[in-house]
């Protein structure tokens, strides 16, 4: 693809000659969302994941700012427990993000298959998440969408956080956007009090509870019912739950964010020092030196069997935007 081409499909979408859409071998869709899909592809024999977003749908659903935030954040981060972005660009109808391919699939699938995880397994994944959150927060980035569906396992079984659509770099100390998954929302988000990185520690408490019990602590068929339960703060504790893990969850699910573990003066260090992690060597965790409790069964590095099958569509057939609409996406060019 050359920079002086005129057709939409030949449009140069990156200043970098390394990655161009026409040079990617598309294999199969491995995920779909409201306004896009993720496609397993190859570049020079290496498996990668291409996230493709329809600009028309992004505009229609008023998600321009979220997409802008996602790309801004992914350009800045590089961490062993985050799905890192290699390149981003756009043409006249779509936005592209080229990401690492994480072959092991969603932690959600393994949790549902197991029913619930042991305390040891849950502690392993929590430790890797804590390292990732500590890294993001050091860059003043709030993630805001922690849940089993957004946690992938790589070939060795280590964790990778994906989908930064709700992430945001905090310019001020707080932000007010209502976003996230209902069961995982912190009370300050629901009450529109303005929120900060403390919401990620609340979500970690929800996640630990769900890993240990198989379901989240606040559940209802209606989102408003979920919100009422979150505000009330009443939690039913399974009898089998590890009491030390229960203590950690309680300290993460404190409504007063100034007293919430992870959001106090020592930040993530307070979480790391909790006795649930007494057997964790925190120096080894970011080096991926601990042995994962689950090892995905994969035949090759581009094995997509851990992902569901999705109907394929001709995503290149979307009509281009008008010049006025394209102005919204000038920074993605």
C-alpha atoms as a PDB file:
ATOM      1  CA  UNK A   1       0.000   0.000   0.000  1.00  0.00           C
ATOM      2  CA  UNK A   2       1.545   3.324  -1.006  1.00  0.00           C
ATOM      3  CA  UNK A   3       1.022   6.780   0.455  1.00  0.00           C
ATOM      4  CA  UNK A   4      -0.099   8.268  -2.870  1.00  0.00           C
ATOM      5  CA  UNK A   5      -2.822   5.713  -3.594  1.00  0.00           C
ATOM      6  CA  UNK A   6      -6.309   7.091  -4.115  1.00  0.00           C
ATOM      7  CA  UNK A   7      -8.812   4.280  -3.501  1.00  0.00           C
ATOM      8  CA  UNK A   8     -10.176   3.663   0.006  1.00  0.00           C
ATOM      9  CA  UNK A   9      -8.689   0.202   0.292  1.00  0.00           C
ATOM     10  CA  UNK A  10      -5.308   1.450  -0.921  1.00  0.00           C
ATOM     11  CA  UNK A  11      -5.275   4.386   1.471  1.00  0.00           C
ATOM     12  CA  UNK A  12      -2.101   4.558   3.520  1.00  0.00           C
ATOM     13  CA  UNK A  13      -3.137   4.324   7.154  1.00  0.00           C
ATOM     14  CA  UNK A  14       0.174   4.622   8.923  1.00  0.00           C
ATOM     15  CA  UNK A  15       3.390   6.587   8.750  1.00  0.00           C
ATOM     16  CA  UNK A  16       5.153   3.356   9.671  1.00  0.00           C
ATOM     17  CA  UNK A  17       5.865   0.999   6.760  1.00  0.00           C
ATOM     18  CA  UNK A  18       5.991  -1.949   9.156  1.00  0.00           C
ATOM     19  CA  UNK A  19       2.257  -2.589   9.465  1.00  0.00           C
ATOM     20  CA  UNK A  20      -0.286  -2.109   6.683  1.00  0.00           C
ATOM     21  CA  UNK A  21      -3.728  -3.675   6.498  1.00  0.00           C
ATOM     22  CA  UNK A  22      -3.124  -5.207   3.071  1.00  0.00           C
ATOM     23  CA  UNK A  23      -0.018  -6.955   4.412  1.00  0.00           C
ATOM     24  CA  UNK A  24      -1.926  -8.701   7.178  1.00  0.00           C
ATOM     25  CA  UNK A  25      -3.209 -12.212   6.506  1.00  0.00           C
ATOM     26  CA  UNK A  26      -6.701 -12.372   8.015  1.00  0.00           C
ATOM     27  CA  UNK A  27      -7.468 -15.748   9.602  1.00  0.00           C
ATOM     28  CA  UNK A  28     -10.707 -15.619  11.615  1.00  0.00           C
ATOM     29  CA  UNK A  29     -12.821 -13.480  13.923  1.00  0.00           C
ATOM     30  CA  UNK A  30     -12.104 -14.205  17.606  1.00  0.00           C
ATOM     31  CA  UNK A  31     -14.339 -11.582  19.196  1.00  0.00           C
ATOM     32  CA  UNK A  32     -17.170  -9.183  18.427  1.00  0.00           C
ATOM     33  CA  UNK A  33     -18.559  -6.107  20.162  1.00  0.00           C
ATOM     34  CA  UNK A  34     -21.186  -3.436  19.719  1.00  0.00           C
ATOM     35  CA  UNK A  35     -19.238  -1.503  17.117  1.00  0.00           C
ATOM     36  CA  UNK A  36     -16.368  -3.706  16.047  1.00  0.00           C
ATOM     37  CA  UNK A  37     -14.630  -7.038  16.008  1.00  0.00           C
ATOM     38  CA  UNK A  38     -11.256  -8.604  16.739  1.00  0.00           C
ATOM     39  CA  UNK A  39      -9.649 -10.689  13.999  1.00  0.00           C
ATOM     40  CA  UNK A  40      -6.774 -13.114  14.361  1.00  0.00           C
ATOM     41  CA  UNK A  41      -4.255 -12.312  11.649  1.00  0.00           C
ATOM     42  CA  UNK A  42      -0.616 -12.945  10.725  1.00  0.00           C
ATOM     43  CA  UNK A  43       2.169 -10.548   9.879  1.00  0.00           C
ATOM     44  CA  UNK A  44       5.351 -12.116   8.539  1.00  0.00           C
ATOM     45  CA  UNK A  45       4.271 -15.404  10.112  1.00  0.00           C
ATOM     46  CA  UNK A  46       3.587 -13.937  13.568  1.00  0.00           C
ATOM     47  CA  UNK A  47       0.030 -14.206  14.948  1.00  0.00           C
ATOM     48  CA  UNK A  48      -1.504 -10.868  15.985  1.00  0.00           C
ATOM     49  CA  UNK A  49      -4.969  -9.571  16.884  1.00  0.00           C
ATOM     50  CA  UNK A  50      -6.515  -6.758  14.821  1.00  0.00           C
ATOM     51  CA  UNK A  51      -9.254  -4.750  16.503  1.00  0.00           C
ATOM     52  CA  UNK A  52     -11.487  -3.182  13.852  1.00  0.00           C
ATOM     53  CA  UNK A  53     -13.960  -0.458  14.802  1.00  0.00           C
ATOM     54  CA  UNK A  54     -16.625   0.974  12.521  1.00  0.00           C
ATOM     55  CA  UNK A  55     -16.378   4.778  12.610  1.00  0.00           C
ATOM     56  CA  UNK A  56     -20.084   5.126  11.764  1.00  0.00           C
ATOM     57  CA  UNK A  57     -21.067   2.941  14.732  1.00  0.00           C
ATOM     58  CA  UNK A  58     -18.599   4.695  17.045  1.00  0.00           C
ATOM     59  CA  UNK A  59     -20.263   8.021  16.160  1.00  0.00           C
ATOM     60  CA  UNK A  60     -23.807   6.627  16.386  1.00  0.00           C
ATOM     61  CA  UNK A  61     -23.176   5.202  19.856  1.00  0.00           C
ATOM     62  CA  UNK A  62     -21.320   8.339  21.024  1.00  0.00           C
ATOM     63  CA  UNK A  63     -18.118   6.416  21.728  1.00  0.00           C
ATOM     64  CA  UNK A  64     -15.603   8.749  20.026  1.00  0.00           C
ATOM     65  CA  UNK A  65     -14.089   9.889  23.332  1.00  0.00           C
ATOM     66  CA  UNK A  66     -13.788   6.323  24.620  1.00  0.00           C
ATOM     67  CA  UNK A  67     -11.980   5.209  21.461  1.00  0.00           C
ATOM     68  CA  UNK A  68      -9.726   8.245  21.669  1.00  0.00           C
ATOM     69  CA  UNK A  69      -8.930   7.421  25.310  1.00  0.00           C
ATOM     70  CA  UNK A  70      -8.265   3.761  24.478  1.00  0.00           C
ATOM     71  CA  UNK A  71      -5.723   4.543  21.761  1.00  0.00           C
ATOM     72  CA  UNK A  72      -4.085   7.277  23.849  1.00  0.00           C
ATOM     73  CA  UNK A  73      -3.647   4.888  26.769  1.00  0.00           C
ATOM     74  CA  UNK A  74      -2.454   1.933  24.683  1.00  0.00           C
ATOM     75  CA  UNK A  75       0.184   4.113  23.002  1.00  0.00           C
ATOM     76  CA  UNK A  76       1.606   4.899  26.423  1.00  0.00           C
ATOM     77  CA  UNK A  77       1.592   1.504  28.131  1.00  0.00           C
ATOM     78  CA  UNK A  78       3.897  -1.492  27.822  1.00  0.00           C
ATOM     79  CA  UNK A  79       3.645  -4.138  30.524  1.00  0.00           C
ATOM     80  CA  UNK A  80       3.906  -7.946  30.790  1.00  0.00           C
ATOM     81  CA  UNK A  81       0.339  -8.233  32.106  1.00  0.00           C
ATOM     82  CA  UNK A  82      -1.304  -5.923  29.560  1.00  0.00           C
ATOM     83  CA  UNK A  83      -2.230  -6.726  25.947  1.00  0.00           C
ATOM     84  CA  UNK A  84       0.135  -4.290  24.280  1.00  0.00           C
ATOM     85  CA  UNK A  85      -0.692  -2.385  21.082  1.00  0.00           C
ATOM     86  CA  UNK A  86       1.826  -2.527  18.238  1.00  0.00           C
ATOM     87  CA  UNK A  87       0.214  -0.038  15.875  1.00  0.00           C
ATOM     88  CA  UNK A  88      -2.968   1.958  15.284  1.00  0.00           C
ATOM     89  CA  UNK A  89      -4.415   3.726  12.256  1.00  0.00           C
ATOM     90  CA  UNK A  90      -7.553   4.320  10.235  1.00  0.00           C
ATOM     91  CA  UNK A  91      -8.979   4.639   6.757  1.00  0.00           C
ATOM     92  CA  UNK A  92     -12.187   6.436   5.703  1.00  0.00           C
ATOM     93  CA  UNK A  93     -14.534   3.992   7.422  1.00  0.00           C
ATOM     94  CA  UNK A  94     -12.665   2.129  10.172  1.00  0.00           C
ATOM     95  CA  UNK A  95     -10.217   2.495  13.044  1.00  0.00           C
ATOM     96  CA  UNK A  96      -7.616  -0.229  13.543  1.00  0.00           C
ATOM     97  CA  UNK A  97      -5.623  -1.333  16.568  1.00  0.00           C
ATOM     98  CA  UNK A  98      -3.032  -4.064  16.066  1.00  0.00           C
ATOM     99  CA  UNK A  99      -2.462  -5.944  19.304  1.00  0.00           C
ATOM    100  CA  UNK A 100      -0.614  -8.922  20.691  1.00  0.00           C
ATOM    101  CA  UNK A 101      -2.481 -12.193  20.134  1.00  0.00           C
ATOM    102  CA  UNK A 102      -3.110 -13.810  23.509  1.00  0.00           C
ATOM    103  CA  UNK A 103      -3.934 -17.391  22.590  1.00  0.00           C
ATOM    104  CA  UNK A 104      -5.237 -18.837  25.864  1.00  0.00           C
ATOM    105  CA  UNK A 105      -8.632 -17.136  25.781  1.00  0.00           C
ATOM    106  CA  UNK A 106     -10.657 -15.483  28.544  1.00  0.00           C
ATOM    107  CA  UNK A 107     -10.184 -16.207  32.228  1.00  0.00           C
ATOM    108  CA  UNK A 108     -14.002 -16.105  32.281  1.00  0.00           C
ATOM    109  CA  UNK A 109     -14.140 -19.377  30.311  1.00  0.00           C
ATOM    110  CA  UNK A 110     -11.838 -21.177  32.739  1.00  0.00           C
ATOM    111  CA  UNK A 111     -13.741 -19.826  35.739  1.00  0.00           C
ATOM    112  CA  UNK A 112     -17.085 -20.970  34.348  1.00  0.00           C
ATOM    113  CA  UNK A 113     -15.675 -24.400  33.534  1.00  0.00           C
ATOM    114  CA  UNK A 114     -14.233 -24.779  37.041  1.00  0.00           C
ATOM    115  CA  UNK A 115     -17.243 -23.273  38.859  1.00  0.00           C
ATOM    116  CA  UNK A 116     -14.883 -21.437  41.173  1.00  0.00           C
ATOM    117  CA  UNK A 117     -11.134 -21.174  41.683  1.00  0.00           C
ATOM    118  CA  UNK A 118      -9.133 -22.267  44.687  1.00  0.00           C
ATOM    119  CA  UNK A 119      -7.613 -19.624  46.941  1.00  0.00           C
ATOM    120  CA  UNK A 120      -4.147 -20.433  45.521  1.00  0.00           C
ATOM    121  CA  UNK A 121      -5.293 -20.015  41.897  1.00  0.00           C
ATOM    122  CA  UNK A 122      -7.179 -16.806  42.671  1.00  0.00           C
ATOM    123  CA  UNK A 123      -4.166 -15.418  44.542  1.00  0.00           C
ATOM    124  CA  UNK A 124      -1.889 -16.060  41.547  1.00  0.00           C
ATOM    125  CA  UNK A 125      -4.088 -14.099  39.113  1.00  0.00           C
ATOM    126  CA  UNK A 126      -4.769 -11.354  41.645  1.00  0.00           C
ATOM    127  CA  UNK A 127      -1.026 -10.818  42.140  1.00  0.00           C
ATOM    128  CA  UNK A 128      -0.509 -10.284  38.397  1.00  0.00           C
ATOM    129  CA  UNK A 129      -3.468  -7.889  38.252  1.00  0.00           C
ATOM    130  CA  UNK A 130      -2.136  -5.914  41.227  1.00  0.00           C
ATOM    131  CA  UNK A 131       1.166  -5.412  39.369  1.00  0.00           C
ATOM    132  CA  UNK A 132      -0.688  -4.215  36.260  1.00  0.00           C
ATOM    133  CA  UNK A 133      -2.918  -1.812  38.224  1.00  0.00           C
ATOM    134  CA  UNK A 134       0.082  -0.441  40.101  1.00  0.00           C
ATOM    135  CA  UNK A 135       1.758   0.253  36.752  1.00  0.00           C
ATOM    136  CA  UNK A 136      -1.323   1.915  35.235  1.00  0.00           C
ATOM    137  CA  UNK A 137      -1.935   4.058  38.306  1.00  0.00           C
ATOM    138  CA  UNK A 138       1.707   5.184  38.324  1.00  0.00           C
ATOM    139  CA  UNK A 139       0.913   6.675  34.911  1.00  0.00           C
ATOM    140  CA  UNK A 140      -2.322   8.258  36.231  1.00  0.00           C
ATOM    141  CA  UNK A 141      -4.405   5.836  34.146  1.00  0.00           C
ATOM    142  CA  UNK A 142      -7.655   4.420  35.530  1.00  0.00           C
ATOM    143  CA  UNK A 143      -8.743   1.161  33.841  1.00  0.00           C
ATOM    144  CA  UNK A 144     -12.447   0.984  34.850  1.00  0.00           C
ATOM    145  CA  UNK A 145     -13.395  -2.356  33.297  1.00  0.00           C
ATOM    146  CA  UNK A 146     -11.841  -5.108  35.383  1.00  0.00           C
ATOM    147  CA  UNK A 147     -13.794  -8.389  35.010  1.00  0.00           C
ATOM    148  CA  UNK A 148     -13.038 -12.021  34.018  1.00  0.00           C
ATOM    149  CA  UNK A 149     -14.071 -11.394  30.387  1.00  0.00           C
ATOM    150  CA  UNK A 150     -11.311  -8.787  30.013  1.00  0.00           C
ATOM    151  CA  UNK A 151      -8.557 -11.019  31.373  1.00  0.00           C
ATOM    152  CA  UNK A 152      -6.804 -13.283  28.880  1.00  0.00           C
ATOM    153  CA  UNK A 153      -4.306 -16.097  29.423  1.00  0.00           C
ATOM    154  CA  UNK A 154      -1.216 -16.344  27.236  1.00  0.00           C
ATOM    155  CA  UNK A 155       0.392 -19.568  26.026  1.00  0.00           C
ATOM    156  CA  UNK A 156       2.115 -20.145  29.363  1.00  0.00           C
ATOM    157  CA  UNK A 157      -0.966 -19.274  31.430  1.00  0.00           C
ATOM    158  CA  UNK A 158       0.053 -15.789  32.558  1.00  0.00           C
ATOM    159  CA  UNK A 159      -2.574 -13.097  32.609  1.00  0.00           C
ATOM    160  CA  UNK A 160      -3.056 -10.177  30.192  1.00  0.00           C
ATOM    161  CA  UNK A 161      -5.554  -7.350  30.708  1.00  0.00           C
ATOM    162  CA  UNK A 162      -7.363  -6.422  27.497  1.00  0.00           C
ATOM    163  CA  UNK A 163     -10.042  -3.981  26.253  1.00  0.00           C
ATOM    164  CA  UNK A 164      -9.079  -0.470  27.320  1.00  0.00           C
ATOM    165  CA  UNK A 165     -12.251   1.107  25.927  1.00  0.00           C
ATOM    166  CA  UNK A 166     -13.197   2.544  29.338  1.00  0.00           C
ATOM    167  CA  UNK A 167      -9.674   3.478  30.396  1.00  0.00           C
ATOM    168  CA  UNK A 168      -8.687   7.096  30.824  1.00  0.00           C
ATOM    169  CA  UNK A 169      -5.670   9.208  31.640  1.00  0.00           C
ATOM    170  CA  UNK A 170      -6.687  11.341  34.597  1.00  0.00           C
ATOM    171  CA  UNK A 171      -5.785  14.960  33.909  1.00  0.00           C
ATOM    172  CA  UNK A 172      -7.660  16.095  37.012  1.00  0.00           C
ATOM    173  CA  UNK A 173      -7.881  14.118  40.215  1.00  0.00           C
ATOM    174  CA  UNK A 174     -11.350  12.799  39.320  1.00  0.00           C
ATOM    175  CA  UNK A 175     -13.595  11.986  36.368  1.00  0.00           C
ATOM    176  CA  UNK A 176     -17.397  11.747  36.215  1.00  0.00           C
ATOM    177  CA  UNK A 177     -18.214   9.466  33.268  1.00  0.00           C
ATOM    178  CA  UNK A 178     -20.623   6.633  34.088  1.00  0.00           C
ATOM    179  CA  UNK A 179     -19.063   3.570  32.487  1.00  0.00           C
ATOM    180  CA  UNK A 180     -18.187  -0.010  33.308  1.00  0.00           C
ATOM    181  CA  UNK A 181     -19.944  -3.305  33.976  1.00  0.00           C
ATOM    182  CA  UNK A 182     -22.846  -2.959  36.491  1.00  0.00           C
ATOM    183  CA  UNK A 183     -21.718  -5.745  38.876  1.00  0.00           C
ATOM    184  CA  UNK A 184     -18.243  -4.195  39.101  1.00  0.00           C
ATOM    185  CA  UNK A 185     -19.112  -0.500  39.523  1.00  0.00           C
ATOM    186  CA  UNK A 186     -17.863   1.259  42.633  1.00  0.00           C
ATOM    187  CA  UNK A 187     -20.515   3.187  44.619  1.00  0.00           C
ATOM    188  CA  UNK A 188     -18.925   6.563  43.795  1.00  0.00           C
ATOM    189  CA  UNK A 189     -19.480   5.895  40.070  1.00  0.00           C
ATOM    190  CA  UNK A 190     -23.151   5.040  40.625  1.00  0.00           C
ATOM    191  CA  UNK A 191     -23.667   8.094  42.819  1.00  0.00           C
ATOM    192  CA  UNK A 192     -21.916  10.417  40.322  1.00  0.00           C
ATOM    193  CA  UNK A 193     -19.596  11.741  43.013  1.00  0.00           C
ATOM    194  CA  UNK A 194     -16.603  11.793  40.706  1.00  0.00           C
ATOM    195  CA  UNK A 195     -14.155   8.907  40.799  1.00  0.00           C
ATOM    196  CA  UNK A 196     -10.473   8.082  40.449  1.00  0.00           C
ATOM    197  CA  UNK A 197      -8.162   5.059  40.469  1.00  0.00           C
ATOM    198  CA  UNK A 198      -9.884   3.824  43.659  1.00  0.00           C
ATOM    199  CA  UNK A 199     -12.595   2.288  41.434  1.00  0.00           C
ATOM    200  CA  UNK A 200     -10.050  -0.242  40.114  1.00  0.00           C
ATOM    201  CA  UNK A 201      -9.328  -1.479  43.646  1.00  0.00           C
ATOM    202  CA  UNK A 202     -13.054  -1.831  44.308  1.00  0.00           C
ATOM    203  CA  UNK A 203     -13.367  -3.860  41.096  1.00  0.00           C
ATOM    204  CA  UNK A 204     -10.448  -6.039  42.218  1.00  0.00           C
ATOM    205  CA  UNK A 205     -12.402  -6.878  45.369  1.00  0.00           C
ATOM    206  CA  UNK A 206     -15.405  -7.873  43.235  1.00  0.00           C
ATOM    207  CA  UNK A 207     -13.163  -9.993  41.010  1.00  0.00           C
ATOM    208  CA  UNK A 208     -11.531 -11.847  43.916  1.00  0.00           C
ATOM    209  CA  UNK A 209     -14.979 -12.614  45.345  1.00  0.00           C
ATOM    210  CA  UNK A 210     -16.163 -13.892  41.942  1.00  0.00           C
ATOM    211  CA  UNK A 211     -13.080 -16.065  41.425  1.00  0.00           C
ATOM    212  CA  UNK A 212     -13.499 -17.646  44.862  1.00  0.00           C
ATOM    213  CA  UNK A 213     -17.279 -18.118  44.726  1.00  0.00           C
ATOM    214  CA  UNK A 214     -18.140 -18.354  41.025  1.00  0.00           C
ATOM    215  CA  UNK A 215     -20.448 -15.327  41.065  1.00  0.00           C
ATOM    216  CA  UNK A 216     -20.158 -11.604  41.934  1.00  0.00           C
ATOM    217  CA  UNK A 217     -21.256 -10.346  45.362  1.00  0.00           C
ATOM    218  CA  UNK A 218     -23.851  -7.914  43.985  1.00  0.00           C
ATOM    219  CA  UNK A 219     -26.195  -9.544  41.486  1.00  0.00           C
ATOM    220  CA  UNK A 220     -29.688  -8.857  40.213  1.00  0.00           C
ATOM    221  CA  UNK A 221     -31.616  -9.351  36.963  1.00  0.00           C
ATOM    222  CA  UNK A 222     -32.031  -5.564  36.737  1.00  0.00           C
ATOM    223  CA  UNK A 223     -29.047  -3.161  36.668  1.00  0.00           C
ATOM    224  CA  UNK A 224     -30.860  -0.816  39.085  1.00  0.00           C
ATOM    225  CA  UNK A 225     -31.255  -3.721  41.482  1.00  0.00           C
ATOM    226  CA  UNK A 226     -27.505  -4.275  41.266  1.00  0.00           C
ATOM    227  CA  UNK A 227     -26.852  -0.592  41.956  1.00  0.00           C
ATOM    228  CA  UNK A 228     -29.113  -0.651  45.026  1.00  0.00           C
ATOM    229  CA  UNK A 229     -27.226  -3.635  46.423  1.00  0.00           C
ATOM    230  CA  UNK A 230     -23.854  -1.993  45.784  1.00  0.00           C
ATOM    231  CA  UNK A 231     -24.959   1.189  47.584  1.00  0.00           C
ATOM    232  CA  UNK A 232     -26.334  -0.840  50.521  1.00  0.00           C
ATOM    233  CA  UNK A 233     -23.013  -2.688  50.772  1.00  0.00           C
ATOM    234  CA  UNK A 234     -24.578  -5.870  52.151  1.00  0.00           C
ATOM    235  CA  UNK A 235     -22.621  -8.943  51.085  1.00  0.00           C
ATOM    236  CA  UNK A 236     -23.465 -12.620  51.586  1.00  0.00           C
ATOM    237  CA  UNK A 237     -20.300 -14.623  52.185  1.00  0.00           C
ATOM    238  CA  UNK A 238     -20.045 -18.260  51.042  1.00  0.00           C
ATOM    239  CA  UNK A 239     -19.096 -20.531  53.959  1.00  0.00           C
ATOM    240  CA  UNK A 240     -16.269 -22.084  51.954  1.00  0.00           C
ATOM    241  CA  UNK A 241     -14.496 -18.760  51.291  1.00  0.00           C
ATOM    242  CA  UNK A 242     -10.960 -18.488  52.651  1.00  0.00           C
ATOM    243  CA  UNK A 243     -11.280 -16.157  55.703  1.00  0.00           C
ATOM    244  CA  UNK A 244      -8.003 -14.389  54.880  1.00  0.00           C
ATOM    245  CA  UNK A 245      -9.186 -13.731  51.304  1.00  0.00           C
ATOM    246  CA  UNK A 246     -12.508 -12.566  52.757  1.00  0.00           C
ATOM    247  CA  UNK A 247     -10.637 -10.034  54.882  1.00  0.00           C
ATOM    248  CA  UNK A 248      -8.881  -8.660  51.789  1.00  0.00           C
ATOM    249  CA  UNK A 249     -12.150  -8.406  49.845  1.00  0.00           C
ATOM    250  CA  UNK A 250     -13.763  -6.522  52.751  1.00  0.00           C
ATOM    251  CA  UNK A 251     -10.914  -4.001  52.770  1.00  0.00           C
ATOM    252  CA  UNK A 252     -11.199  -3.497  48.996  1.00  0.00           C
ATOM    253  CA  UNK A 253     -14.998  -3.133  49.108  1.00  0.00           C
ATOM    254  CA  UNK A 254     -15.033  -0.192  51.504  1.00  0.00           C
ATOM    255  CA  UNK A 255     -17.495   2.476  50.376  1.00  0.00           C
ATOM    256  CA  UNK A 256     -15.329   5.296  51.733  1.00  0.00           C
ATOM    257  CA  UNK A 257     -12.623   5.357  49.079  1.00  0.00           C
ATOM    258  CA  UNK A 258     -10.231   7.268  51.365  1.00  0.00           C
ATOM    259  CA  UNK A 259     -10.127   4.108  53.520  1.00  0.00           C
ATOM    260  CA  UNK A 260     -10.169   1.615  50.639  1.00  0.00           C
ATOM    261  CA  UNK A 261      -7.114  -0.625  50.428  1.00  0.00           C
ATOM    262  CA  UNK A 262      -4.993   0.371  47.435  1.00  0.00           C
ATOM    263  CA  UNK A 263      -6.128   3.982  47.538  1.00  0.00           C
ATOM    264  CA  UNK A 264      -4.398   5.068  50.724  1.00  0.00           C
ATOM    265  CA  UNK A 265      -0.971   6.616  51.215  1.00  0.00           C
ATOM    266  CA  UNK A 266       1.025   3.461  50.401  1.00  0.00           C
ATOM    267  CA  UNK A 267      -1.100   2.642  47.341  1.00  0.00           C
ATOM    268  CA  UNK A 268      -0.603  -0.831  45.904  1.00  0.00           C
ATOM    269  CA  UNK A 269       1.966  -1.642  48.594  1.00  0.00           C
ATOM    270  CA  UNK A 270      -0.862  -1.860  51.141  1.00  0.00           C
ATOM    271  CA  UNK A 271      -2.516  -4.507  48.966  1.00  0.00           C
ATOM    272  CA  UNK A 272       0.732  -6.434  48.468  1.00  0.00           C
ATOM    273  CA  UNK A 273       1.370  -6.552  52.201  1.00  0.00           C
ATOM    274  CA  UNK A 274      -1.959  -8.218  52.967  1.00  0.00           C
ATOM    275  CA  UNK A 275      -1.447 -11.656  54.514  1.00  0.00           C
ATOM    276  CA  UNK A 276      -3.330 -13.416  51.677  1.00  0.00           C
ATOM    277  CA  UNK A 277      -0.189 -12.790  49.606  1.00  0.00           C
ATOM    278  CA  UNK A 278       2.271 -14.020  52.258  1.00  0.00           C
ATOM    279  CA  UNK A 279       3.606 -16.752  49.931  1.00  0.00           C
ATOM    280  CA  UNK A 280       3.912 -14.405  46.906  1.00  0.00           C
ATOM    281  CA  UNK A 281       7.390 -13.290  45.882  1.00  0.00           C
ATOM    282  CA  UNK A 282       6.500  -9.838  44.567  1.00  0.00           C
ATOM    283  CA  UNK A 283       9.917  -9.380  42.968  1.00  0.00           C
ATOM    284  CA  UNK A 284       9.315 -12.425  40.768  1.00  0.00           C
ATOM    285  CA  UNK A 285       5.723 -11.620  39.760  1.00  0.00           C
ATOM    286  CA  UNK A 286       6.405  -8.964  37.048  1.00  0.00           C
ATOM    287  CA  UNK A 287       9.133 -11.209  35.608  1.00  0.00           C
ATOM    288  CA  UNK A 288       6.474 -13.888  35.006  1.00  0.00           C
ATOM    289  CA  UNK A 289       8.651 -16.225  37.066  1.00  0.00           C
ATOM    290  CA  UNK A 290       5.854 -17.835  39.102  1.00  0.00           C
ATOM    291  CA  UNK A 291       4.289 -21.047  37.758  1.00  0.00           C
ATOM    292  CA  UNK A 292       0.721 -20.441  36.472  1.00  0.00           C
ATOM    293  CA  UNK A 293      -2.010 -22.704  37.882  1.00  0.00           C
ATOM    294  CA  UNK A 294      -3.657 -23.146  34.463  1.00  0.00           C
ATOM    295  CA  UNK A 295      -1.806 -23.880  31.215  1.00  0.00           C
ATOM    296  CA  UNK A 296      -3.951 -23.489  28.065  1.00  0.00           C
ATOM    297  CA  UNK A 297      -3.970 -26.495  25.741  1.00  0.00           C
ATOM    298  CA  UNK A 298      -2.678 -25.063  22.470  1.00  0.00           C
ATOM    299  CA  UNK A 299      -1.324 -26.844  19.402  1.00  0.00           C
ATOM    300  CA  UNK A 300       0.365 -23.852  17.757  1.00  0.00           C
ATOM    301  CA  UNK A 301       1.076 -20.190  18.506  1.00  0.00           C
ATOM    302  CA  UNK A 302      -1.855 -19.152  16.270  1.00  0.00           C
ATOM    303  CA  UNK A 303      -4.288 -21.743  17.667  1.00  0.00           C
ATOM    304  CA  UNK A 304      -7.616 -19.937  18.152  1.00  0.00           C
ATOM    305  CA  UNK A 305      -9.455 -22.895  19.694  1.00  0.00           C
ATOM    306  CA  UNK A 306      -9.738 -21.135  23.077  1.00  0.00           C
ATOM    307  CA  UNK A 307     -12.015 -18.510  21.486  1.00  0.00           C
ATOM    308  CA  UNK A 308     -15.622 -18.890  20.355  1.00  0.00           C
ATOM    309  CA  UNK A 309     -16.524 -19.051  16.670  1.00  0.00           C
ATOM    310  CA  UNK A 310     -18.206 -15.993  15.151  1.00  0.00           C
ATOM    311  CA  UNK A 311     -19.893 -15.456  11.778  1.00  0.00           C
ATOM    312  CA  UNK A 312     -17.545 -13.729   9.359  1.00  0.00           C
ATOM    313  CA  UNK A 313     -18.625 -10.559   7.568  1.00  0.00           C
ATOM    314  CA  UNK A 314     -17.107  -8.423   4.837  1.00  0.00           C
ATOM    315  CA  UNK A 315     -15.958  -5.649   7.178  1.00  0.00           C
ATOM    316  CA  UNK A 316     -14.248  -3.860   4.285  1.00  0.00           C
ATOM    317  CA  UNK A 317     -17.614  -3.139   2.642  1.00  0.00           C
ATOM    318  CA  UNK A 318     -18.625  -0.368   5.073  1.00  0.00           C
ATOM    319  CA  UNK A 319     -19.246   2.954   3.298  1.00  0.00           C
ATOM    320  CA  UNK A 320     -16.780   5.796   3.982  1.00  0.00           C
ATOM    321  CA  UNK A 321     -17.787   8.665   6.246  1.00  0.00           C
ATOM    322  CA  UNK A 322     -18.585  12.156   5.049  1.00  0.00           C
ATOM    323  CA  UNK A 323     -15.884  14.804   5.340  1.00  0.00           C
ATOM    324  CA  UNK A 324     -17.695  16.354   8.323  1.00  0.00           C
ATOM    325  CA  UNK A 325     -17.781  12.998  10.142  1.00  0.00           C
ATOM    326  CA  UNK A 326     -14.141  12.293   9.324  1.00  0.00           C
ATOM    327  CA  UNK A 327     -13.112  15.470  11.157  1.00  0.00           C
ATOM    328  CA  UNK A 328     -13.941  13.661  14.408  1.00  0.00           C
ATOM    329  CA  UNK A 329     -11.214  11.133  13.643  1.00  0.00           C
ATOM    330  CA  UNK A 330      -8.461  13.378  12.302  1.00  0.00           C
ATOM    331  CA  UNK A 331      -6.114  12.447  15.159  1.00  0.00           C
ATOM    332  CA  UNK A 332      -6.334   8.763  14.205  1.00  0.00           C
ATOM    333  CA  UNK A 333      -5.006   9.407  10.699  1.00  0.00           C
END
